Amino acid sequence: MPEVKSEISFLRGPQSRWEEFKFTVKVMIEFIRGFRALHFVGPCVTFFGSARFDEDHVYYDKTRKAAAEIAKLGFTIMTGGGQGLMEAANRGAKDVNGRSVGCTIVLPMEQKTNLYLDKWVKIRYFFVRKTLLIKYSFAFIVLPGGFGTLDEFFEALTLTQTRKINQFPIIIFGKAYHHELLEHIEWMKREHTISPEDLNLILVTDSIDEAVEFIKHKSINRYGLTAVRKPSPIGWLFERP
């Protein structure tokens, strides 16, 4: 795939100045496409999770129910737009007539876009996609997943820790699944490679009700989301809400 090959070339060291410039333009265009697609989606809660769990998996059902309850608060549910737990979250939003959006990724093995999206944008570069998933979100839900899920989790956590974004809550669902990961985080705290206060915005729970209350307190009340002004489309830019 040409898009994947261009990223591989960029990441393997210095290229000609012309090639570097062309790649920079491609990245700029990707960001603009993402901004245009997602500008009017409203305050989001983003779900990170595995694409490999099917509808019969216990976490699929739980994710669907959690997304439904969070959508009832008025949030748009955002995911990576794929299958598995991403689909479950988008489906949960649609169950209660909430808004559902996705930010998908172009991969050598094509990732199917799930059927429960009101709007989506397909992105070529992971770092652009991660920026978009974080940019529009007022809370993050971390579900069982693999390398990609952990990458997104620690990206959000690092940005809140370093105050590159506001201190939005991060909720980890699945105590049993994440047990060893949480033990390692506690080990880092004991070794003073992170500070105890770095974990203040993380909630580890299996309770949907507890997660909803956490978001109410840490996002809605803290940032006054009921007063958020929604931007209006500009006709001459061919924008659509």
Foldseek 3Di string as FASTA:
>chain_A
DVLVVLVVVVPPDDDPPVSVVVVVVVLVVLLVQLCQQCQQQAAAEEEFAAQPAAPPDPLLQLLLCLLLVLQVVVHEYEYQQAHDSLLSNLNSCVVNPGAYEHEHECDPPGTDGDDRHPTYHYGHDPVSSLCSSPVRYQEYEQEYYDPVSVVSVVVVLVCLLVVVDPNGAYEYADCPRCVVVVVVVVVCCVVVVDDPVSCVRYHYDNDSVVVSVSCCVRGCVVPVSVPDDGDDDDVVVVGDD
